[in-house]
Amino acid sequence: MNYQAYDYFAKSGQLMSEGFRLVNELISHPSNPYSHTWSGRIASATLESAMRVTQRYDKLGFNITTIDIKGKAVKVQDEIVFAKPFCNLIHFNKAGQTDKDKVLLVAPLSGHHSTLLKGTVEALLPNHEVYITDWLDAREVPLEEGPFSFDCYVSYLIEMMNHLGPETHLIAICQPTVQALIATAVMAQDKSPNIPKSLTLMAGPIDISKNPTRVNDFSNEHPMSWFENVAIMKVPVGYPGEGREVYPGFMQLGGFISMNKEAHMKKHQKYFQNLLFGEHEDSERFRAFYDEYMAVLDMPAEFYLETIERVFKNNELANKTITYNGKPVDFNAITNTPLLTVEGAEDDICGIGQTEAAQDLCQNIPKNMRKHHLQPGAGHYGIFSGSMYRKNIRPLITEFIDKYS
């Protein structure tokens, strides 16, 4: 299926979804006697399930309006403070409050929108001045803006660090741990005054030879020609980025789901049961999760292909062959940036040891300024969201940042 065909199919599915929704509103309306019957509840649950399967999921907002700081509700407003063709830098402005610890949170450019880190942001806000990279959907970026490569990503981070100035702590989650580490090394080589005050890398592929996962195996099982011919498509007619080559979000989403197909099927079966028996709280949790999980973006083809080749096939960081704008990157140049690495013991996307490998690459950072944490029981998403993150990992990050502020 090419992108144009998928787009027609998705738009048709959206019309069907709207139809299911309208019929369900009639069937489930409290004034309709049929809604109180067993067959009516089955029909309503079936229609809502069908609606969710066929609908298109758009990007959600962060929707963080207030946070609790020491028992006081503080208003929050997000605003774009720095803009690039493929990314906006968003600041979460807390009314009447400014923390000394600025944090640049680097969200992954790997299919999902940065709003997937909403919980990460919320947990950091009471203690830090938080900024986040909000990557744009490549199908919305006109061709005249040019390409977006692996090195462009690094350049964006350096520009953002320079925009925020000194005393800014850098936190990268998953895929951008690679670019964050490279950016820090490049800034160290250039003796930049805006080098990160501290660097936290969480669940990222620094050395994919350590405990390879299915993601790593998949990358190595297929030649680059397969990724170029099968994974890359052109944005169809009707979008600002028409004609741009991308790795479509729907293909990435298919990969995400196929990795845990049985778990997703069980969640949907449970959702149907919750609808049937009126378990509204559980149903709402399901909707909140999948509204975000199913919303995906397209990645620029050049960035995607270079990431596959340089990170997952050639393992250039661990092999110390990585370059930036054609020049070797020297991780030994990082001498005074505290480093924290965090991994999940149950992570099936980034294996144990893959992120910790940054500790060996940065041997010129004094040992007392380097720390590694392996979180028992945490899967990939548990590293940056959910109760385990809030209870164990976020306090660890804040303590680390405070120590070097």
Protein backbone atom coordinates (compact mmCIF):
# COMPACT_ATOMS: atom_id res chain seq x y z
CA MET A 1 0.00 0.00 0.00
CA ASN A 2 1.39 3.42 -0.92
CA TYR A 3 0.76 6.56 1.13
CA GLN A 4 -1.88 7.95 -1.25
CA ALA A 5 -3.92 4.74 -1.03
CA TYR A 6 -3.58 4.69 2.75
CA ASP A 7 -4.72 8.31 2.93
CA TYR A 8 -7.89 7.54 0.96
CA PHE A 9 -8.53 4.52 3.18
CA ALA A 10 -7.96 6.52 6.37
CA LYS A 11 -10.28 9.32 5.27
CA SER A 12 -12.96 6.76 4.39
CA GLY A 13 -12.46 5.15 7.78
CA GLN A 14 -12.93 8.52 9.45
CA LEU A 15 -16.32 8.91 7.75
CA MET A 16 -17.29 5.44 8.98
CA SER A 17 -16.08 6.33 12.48
CA GLU A 18 -18.25 9.43 12.51
CA GLY A 19 -21.22 7.34 11.45
CA PHE A 20 -20.62 4.83 14.24
CA ARG A 21 -20.41 7.72 16.72
CA LEU A 22 -23.69 9.29 15.63
CA VAL A 23 -25.58 5.99 15.73
CA ASN A 24 -24.10 5.21 19.14
CA GLU A 25 -25.27 8.58 20.48
CA LEU A 26 -28.84 7.64 19.56
CA ILE A 27 -28.63 4.11 20.94
CA SER A 28 -26.91 5.03 24.23
CA HIS A 29 -28.90 8.17 25.03
CA PRO A 30 -30.41 7.83 28.54
CA SER A 31 -33.88 8.79 27.26
CA ASN A 32 -33.82 5.87 24.83
CA PRO A 33 -35.35 2.83 26.61
CA TYR A 34 -33.24 0.54 24.41
CA SER A 35 -30.05 1.89 26.05
CA HIS A 36 -31.05 0.26 29.35
CA THR A 37 -31.44 -3.21 27.85
CA TRP A 38 -28.72 -5.82 27.62
CA SER A 39 -28.82 -5.89 23.82
CA GLY A 40 -28.66 -2.08 23.77
CA ARG A 41 -25.50 -2.10 25.86
CA ILE A 42 -23.93 -4.72 23.59
CA ALA A 43 -24.80 -2.62 20.53
CA SER A 44 -23.38 0.53 22.14
CA ALA A 45 -20.12 -1.17 23.17
CA THR A 46 -19.75 -2.64 19.67
CA LEU A 47 -20.32 0.72 18.00
CA GLU A 48 -17.86 2.55 20.23
CA SER A 49 -15.21 -0.12 19.69
CA ALA A 50 -15.77 0.10 15.91
CA MET A 51 -15.59 3.91 16.10
CA ARG A 52 -12.20 3.81 17.79
CA VAL A 53 -10.79 1.25 15.34
CA THR A 54 -11.77 3.30 12.28
CA GLN A 55 -11.11 6.87 13.47
CA ARG A 56 -8.05 9.00 12.74
CA TYR A 57 -6.23 10.18 15.82
CA ASP A 58 -4.98 13.76 15.77
CA LYS A 59 -2.23 15.23 17.92
CA LEU A 60 -3.45 16.17 21.39
CA GLY A 61 -2.37 19.25 23.31
CA PHE A 62 -0.36 19.07 26.51
CA ASN A 63 -3.37 20.55 28.32
CA ILE A 64 -1.39 21.25 31.49
CA THR A 65 -3.26 24.21 32.98
CA THR A 66 -2.36 23.97 36.68
CA ILE A 67 0.14 22.15 38.85
CA ASP A 68 0.38 21.72 42.58
CA ILE A 69 3.44 23.30 44.19
CA LYS A 70 3.63 22.83 47.95
CA GLY A 71 -0.14 22.63 48.24
CA LYS A 72 -0.77 25.67 46.04
CA ALA A 73 -2.40 25.48 42.60
CA VAL A 74 -0.22 27.35 40.11
CA LYS A 75 -1.43 28.21 36.60
CA VAL A 76 0.61 26.89 33.68
CA GLN A 77 0.64 28.08 30.09
CA ASP A 78 2.70 26.53 27.31
CA GLU A 79 4.21 28.85 24.72
CA ILE A 80 6.55 28.53 21.74
CA VAL A 81 9.79 30.36 22.55
CA PHE A 82 11.98 29.17 19.66
CA ALA A 83 10.87 27.86 16.29
CA LYS A 84 12.56 25.85 13.56
CA PRO A 85 11.03 24.35 10.39
CA PHE A 86 10.80 20.86 11.92
CA CYS A 87 10.51 21.63 15.63
CA ASN A 88 9.16 24.13 18.13
CA LEU A 89 10.70 24.68 21.55
CA ILE A 90 7.89 24.91 24.08
CA HIS A 91 8.19 26.52 27.51
CA PHE A 92 5.77 25.71 30.31
CA ASN A 93 5.36 29.08 31.97
CA LYS A 94 4.31 28.91 35.62
CA ALA A 95 2.44 32.05 36.66
CA GLY A 96 4.55 34.14 39.03
CA GLN A 97 7.25 31.50 39.38
CA THR A 98 10.65 30.92 37.81
CA ASP A 99 12.91 28.08 38.92
CA LYS A 100 16.67 28.36 38.77
CA ASP A 101 16.92 24.88 37.24
CA LYS A 102 16.11 25.15 33.53
CA VAL A 103 15.52 21.76 31.93
CA LEU A 104 15.47 21.05 28.20
CA LEU A 105 13.51 17.82 27.79
CA VAL A 106 14.26 16.22 24.42
CA ALA A 107 11.29 14.21 23.18
CA PRO A 108 11.83 11.38 20.70
CA LEU A 109 11.27 11.85 16.98
CA SER A 110 10.23 8.25 16.51
CA GLY A 111 6.58 8.23 15.55
CA HIS A 112 4.69 9.64 18.51
CA HIS A 113 4.15 13.29 19.28
CA SER A 114 5.98 14.95 22.16
CA THR A 115 2.69 15.05 24.07
CA LEU A 116 3.42 11.41 24.91
CA LEU A 117 5.71 12.96 27.55
CA LYS A 118 2.91 14.94 29.19
CA GLY A 119 3.28 12.95 32.41
CA THR A 120 7.05 13.47 32.34
CA VAL A 121 6.57 17.23 32.08
CA GLU A 122 3.92 17.36 34.81
CA ALA A 123 6.17 15.54 37.27
CA LEU A 124 9.14 17.82 36.53
CA LEU A 125 7.25 21.12 36.65
CA PRO A 126 6.98 21.60 40.43
CA ASN A 127 10.78 21.61 40.75
CA HIS A 128 12.07 22.85 37.40
CA GLU A 129 11.64 25.37 34.60
CA VAL A 130 10.71 22.97 31.80
CA TYR A 131 11.18 23.30 28.04
CA ILE A 132 10.44 20.52 25.54
CA THR A 133 11.18 19.81 21.88
CA ASP A 134 7.89 19.57 19.99
CA TRP A 135 8.72 17.85 16.69
CA LEU A 136 6.47 18.68 13.76
CA ASP A 137 4.80 16.17 11.49
CA ALA A 138 7.00 16.05 8.37
CA ARG A 139 3.94 15.90 6.11
CA GLU A 140 3.13 19.42 7.34
CA VAL A 141 6.55 20.84 6.39
CA PRO A 142 6.75 22.22 2.82
CA LEU A 143 9.46 20.85 0.54
CA GLU A 144 11.08 24.28 0.23
CA GLU A 145 12.17 24.03 3.88
CA GLY A 146 14.70 21.46 2.73
CA PRO A 147 15.69 18.11 4.28
CA PHE A 148 16.07 17.20 7.94
CA SER A 149 19.01 14.91 8.60
CA PHE A 150 20.64 13.19 11.56
CA ASP A 151 23.11 16.09 11.88
CA CYS A 152 20.26 18.62 11.64
CA TYR A 153 18.80 17.08 14.80
CA VAL A 154 22.09 17.62 16.62
CA SER A 155 22.26 21.19 15.31
CA TYR A 156 18.74 21.90 16.57
CA LEU A 157 19.71 20.79 20.09
CA ILE A 158 22.85 22.94 20.06
CA GLU A 159 20.85 25.95 18.86
CA MET A 160 18.26 25.41 21.59
CA MET A 161 20.90 25.08 24.30
CA ASN A 162 22.47 28.32 23.05
CA HIS A 163 19.04 29.97 23.06
CA LEU A 164 18.39 28.92 26.66
CA GLY A 165 21.87 29.87 27.79
CA PRO A 166 24.07 28.51 30.59
CA GLU A 167 22.72 26.69 33.63
CA THR A 168 20.44 24.52 31.47
CA HIS A 169 20.15 20.81 32.23
CA LEU A 170 19.59 18.42 29.31
CA ILE A 171 17.33 15.36 29.58
CA ALA A 172 16.84 13.03 26.61
CA ILE A 173 14.45 10.10 26.43
CA CYS A 174 14.83 7.09 24.12
CA GLN A 175 16.05 7.80 20.56
CA PRO A 176 17.42 11.36 21.16
CA THR A 177 19.84 10.17 23.85
CA VAL A 178 22.14 9.66 20.85
CA GLN A 179 21.82 13.24 19.56
CA ALA A 180 21.93 14.71 23.08
CA LEU A 181 25.22 12.96 23.81
CA ILE A 182 26.68 14.04 20.46
CA ALA A 183 25.51 17.64 20.96
CA THR A 184 27.12 17.74 24.42
CA ALA A 185 30.42 16.43 23.02
CA VAL A 186 30.40 18.91 20.14
CA MET A 187 29.71 21.80 22.52
CA ALA A 188 32.51 20.57 24.77
CA GLN A 189 34.90 20.41 21.81
CA ASP A 190 33.90 23.97 20.88
CA LYS A 191 34.27 25.07 24.53
CA SER A 192 30.74 26.47 24.45
CA PRO A 193 29.67 28.41 27.56
CA ASN A 194 26.19 26.90 27.10
CA ILE A 195 27.19 23.25 27.43
CA PRO A 196 24.58 21.34 29.48
CA LYS A 197 24.85 21.87 33.22
CA SER A 198 24.07 18.16 33.53
CA LEU A 199 23.12 15.41 31.10
CA THR A 200 20.48 12.74 31.78
CA LEU A 201 20.04 9.94 29.25
CA MET A 202 17.05 7.62 29.65
CA ALA A 203 16.41 4.33 27.83
CA GLY A 204 18.33 5.14 24.65
CA PRO A 205 20.38 3.16 22.09
CA ILE A 206 23.93 4.33 22.81
CA ASP A 207 25.38 0.84 22.21
CA ILE A 208 22.94 -1.53 20.52
CA SER A 209 25.32 -4.51 20.87
CA LYS A 210 24.35 -4.77 24.55
CA ASN A 211 21.44 -7.17 25.01
CA PRO A 212 19.89 -6.63 21.54
CA THR A 213 16.10 -6.41 21.42
CA ARG A 214 13.61 -7.15 18.65
CA VAL A 215 14.03 -3.56 17.48
CA ASN A 216 17.77 -4.10 17.04
CA ASP A 217 17.28 -7.49 15.37
CA PHE A 218 14.74 -6.07 12.92
CA SER A 219 17.17 -3.32 11.88
CA ASN A 220 19.93 -5.84 11.18
CA GLU A 221 17.75 -8.42 9.44
CA HIS A 222 16.90 -6.04 6.60
CA PRO A 223 19.39 -4.33 4.25
CA MET A 224 19.28 -0.56 3.79
CA SER A 225 17.73 -1.11 0.37
CA TRP A 226 14.70 -2.68 2.07
CA PHE A 227 14.17 0.37 4.29
CA GLU A 228 14.62 2.70 1.32
CA ASN A 229 12.20 0.80 -0.93
CA VAL A 230 9.57 -0.39 1.58
CA ALA A 231 9.57 2.05 4.51
CA ILE A 232 9.91 5.34 2.63
CA MET A 233 6.93 6.95 0.89
CA LYS A 234 5.99 10.37 -0.49
CA VAL A 235 3.49 12.61 1.28
CA PRO A 236 0.27 12.52 -0.78
CA VAL A 237 -1.64 15.37 -2.38
CA GLY A 238 -3.45 17.74 -0.02
CA TYR A 239 -0.79 18.27 2.64
CA PRO A 240 1.73 21.15 2.96
CA GLY A 241 4.58 18.64 2.65
CA GLU A 242 3.20 17.09 -0.54
CA GLY A 243 5.99 15.19 -2.30
CA ARG A 244 8.33 15.07 0.70
CA GLU A 245 9.83 11.63 1.35
CA VAL A 246 8.93 10.35 4.81
CA TYR A 247 8.73 7.30 6.99
CA PRO A 248 4.95 7.40 7.58
CA GLY A 249 3.62 7.39 11.12
CA PHE A 250 1.09 4.67 10.29
CA MET A 251 3.93 2.27 9.45
CA GLN A 252 5.71 3.05 12.72
CA LEU A 253 2.45 2.58 14.63
CA GLY A 254 1.99 -0.80 12.96
CA GLY A 255 5.46 -1.76 14.17
CA PHE A 256 4.71 -0.61 17.72
CA ILE A 257 1.49 -2.63 17.85
CA SER A 258 2.96 -5.76 16.26
CA MET A 259 5.64 -5.92 18.96
CA ASN A 260 2.96 -6.38 21.63
CA LYS A 261 -0.01 -7.53 19.56
CA GLU A 262 -1.48 -9.85 22.18
CA ALA A 263 -1.28 -7.22 24.93
CA HIS A 264 -3.11 -4.68 22.74
CA MET A 265 -5.79 -7.23 21.85
CA LYS A 266 -6.36 -8.01 25.52
CA LYS A 267 -6.65 -4.32 26.36
CA HIS A 268 -9.28 -3.84 23.66
CA GLN A 269 -11.20 -6.90 24.83
CA LYS A 270 -11.12 -5.57 28.37
CA TYR A 271 -12.29 -2.18 27.11
CA PHE A 272 -15.31 -3.82 25.46
CA GLN A 273 -16.15 -5.53 28.75
CA ASN A 274 -15.77 -2.27 30.68
CA LEU A 275 -18.17 -0.54 28.29
CA LEU A 276 -20.60 -3.40 28.66
CA PHE A 277 -20.61 -3.37 32.45
CA GLY A 278 -20.37 0.40 32.91
CA GLU A 279 -16.83 0.56 34.29
CA HIS A 280 -16.48 4.23 33.36
CA GLU A 281 -13.19 4.97 35.12
CA ASP A 282 -11.36 2.06 33.46
CA SER A 283 -12.91 2.95 30.10
CA GLU A 284 -11.72 6.55 30.39
CA ARG A 285 -8.17 5.41 31.21
CA PHE A 286 -8.20 3.26 28.06
CA ARG A 287 -9.41 6.19 25.94
CA ALA A 288 -6.80 8.56 27.38
CA PHE A 289 -3.98 6.12 26.67
CA TYR A 290 -4.98 5.17 23.13
CA ASP A 291 -5.96 8.72 22.10
CA GLU A 292 -2.28 9.56 22.62
CA TYR A 293 -0.75 6.24 21.56
CA MET A 294 -2.60 6.14 18.22
CA ALA A 295 -1.67 9.72 17.28
CA VAL A 296 1.49 9.52 15.18
CA LEU A 297 3.58 11.72 12.92
CA ASP A 298 5.67 11.21 9.79
CA MET A 299 9.46 11.34 10.09
CA PRO A 300 11.71 12.91 7.44
CA ALA A 301 13.13 10.09 5.32
CA GLU A 302 16.74 11.24 5.54
CA PHE A 303 16.65 11.36 9.34
CA TYR A 304 15.01 7.95 9.61
CA LEU A 305 17.37 6.22 7.17
CA GLU A 306 20.51 7.77 8.68
CA THR A 307 19.37 6.72 12.15
CA ILE A 308 18.87 3.13 11.00
CA GLU A 309 22.28 3.05 9.32
CA ARG A 310 24.40 5.03 11.79
CA VAL A 311 22.86 3.97 15.12
CA PHE A 312 21.31 0.54 14.58
CA LYS A 313 23.47 -0.97 11.86
CA ASN A 314 26.90 0.63 12.24
CA ASN A 315 26.65 1.29 16.00
CA GLU A 316 28.80 4.36 15.39
CA LEU A 317 28.71 5.78 18.91
CA ALA A 318 30.02 2.65 20.59
CA ASN A 319 32.54 2.13 17.79
CA LYS A 320 33.65 5.78 18.12
CA THR A 321 33.22 6.42 14.41
CA ILE A 322 30.37 8.92 14.75
CA THR A 323 30.78 12.27 13.02
CA TYR A 324 28.97 15.61 13.07
CA ASN A 325 29.07 17.69 9.89
CA GLY A 326 31.84 15.42 8.64
CA LYS A 327 34.11 15.84 11.68
CA PRO A 328 34.81 13.15 14.32
CA VAL A 329 32.98 13.51 17.61
CA ASP A 330 35.23 13.19 20.66
CA PHE A 331 33.33 12.11 23.76
CA ASN A 332 36.52 12.51 25.79
CA ALA A 333 36.04 16.25 25.38
CA ILE A 334 33.21 16.06 27.93
CA THR A 335 35.02 16.61 31.22
CA ASN A 336 32.78 18.67 33.46
CA THR A 337 29.20 17.70 32.62
CA PRO A 338 27.64 15.37 35.22
CA LEU A 339 26.09 12.30 33.58
CA LEU A 340 23.09 10.28 34.74
CA THR A 341 21.92 7.22 32.78
CA VAL A 342 18.62 5.47 33.50
CA GLU A 343 17.37 2.10 32.26
CA GLY A 344 14.40 -0.19 32.89
CA ALA A 345 15.02 -3.78 33.88
CA GLU A 346 12.02 -4.93 31.79
CA ASP A 347 12.61 -2.69 28.77
CA ASP A 348 11.90 -4.67 25.57
CA ILE A 349 12.81 -1.79 23.24
CA CYS A 350 16.16 -0.67 24.65
CA GLY A 351 18.10 -3.52 26.27
CA ILE A 352 19.92 -3.35 29.58
CA GLY A 353 23.35 -1.81 29.14
CA GLN A 354 22.57 0.08 25.93
CA THR A 355 22.19 3.44 27.70
CA GLU A 356 24.71 2.73 30.45
CA ALA A 357 27.31 2.46 27.65
CA ALA A 358 27.45 6.27 27.70
CA GLN A 359 29.31 5.96 30.99
CA ASP A 360 32.20 4.18 29.24
CA LEU A 361 32.21 6.66 26.36
CA CYS A 362 32.54 9.60 28.75
CA GLN A 363 35.47 8.39 30.84
CA ASN A 364 36.91 11.89 31.23
CA ILE A 365 33.95 12.85 33.39
CA PRO A 366 35.08 12.19 36.99
CA LYS A 367 33.53 9.02 38.42
CA ASN A 368 31.93 10.95 41.27
CA MET A 369 30.02 12.98 38.65
CA ARG A 370 28.65 9.90 36.87
CA LYS A 371 25.67 7.85 38.05
CA HIS A 372 23.69 4.94 36.60
CA HIS A 373 20.27 3.73 37.72
CA LEU A 374 18.55 0.49 36.72
CA GLN A 375 14.87 0.57 37.68
CA PRO A 376 13.50 -2.87 38.67
CA GLY A 377 10.17 -3.74 37.10
CA ALA A 378 10.16 -0.85 34.62
CA GLY A 379 9.43 -1.37 30.95
CA HIS A 380 10.28 1.17 28.27
CA TYR A 381 7.37 3.54 28.93
CA GLY A 382 7.63 3.06 32.69
CA ILE A 383 10.98 4.87 32.58
CA PHE A 384 9.33 8.20 31.79
CA SER A 385 5.64 7.83 32.65
CA GLY A 386 3.32 6.32 35.22
CA SER A 387 3.59 5.73 38.94
CA MET A 388 7.03 4.10 38.85
CA TYR A 389 8.48 7.14 37.10
CA ARG A 390 6.79 9.57 39.50
CA LYS A 391 7.75 7.61 42.61
CA ASN A 392 11.31 6.50 41.81
CA ILE A 393 12.82 8.09 38.73
CA ARG A 394 11.67 11.71 38.77
CA PRO A 395 12.93 12.25 42.36
CA LEU A 396 16.26 10.70 41.32
CA ILE A 397 16.55 13.12 38.38
CA THR A 398 15.64 16.14 40.51
CA GLU A 399 18.17 15.14 43.17
CA PHE A 400 20.86 14.76 40.49
CA ILE A 401 20.06 18.14 38.94
CA ASP A 402 19.93 19.89 42.33
CA LYS A 403 23.32 18.48 43.23
CA TYR A 404 24.96 20.22 40.25
CA SER A 405 22.94 23.44 40.13
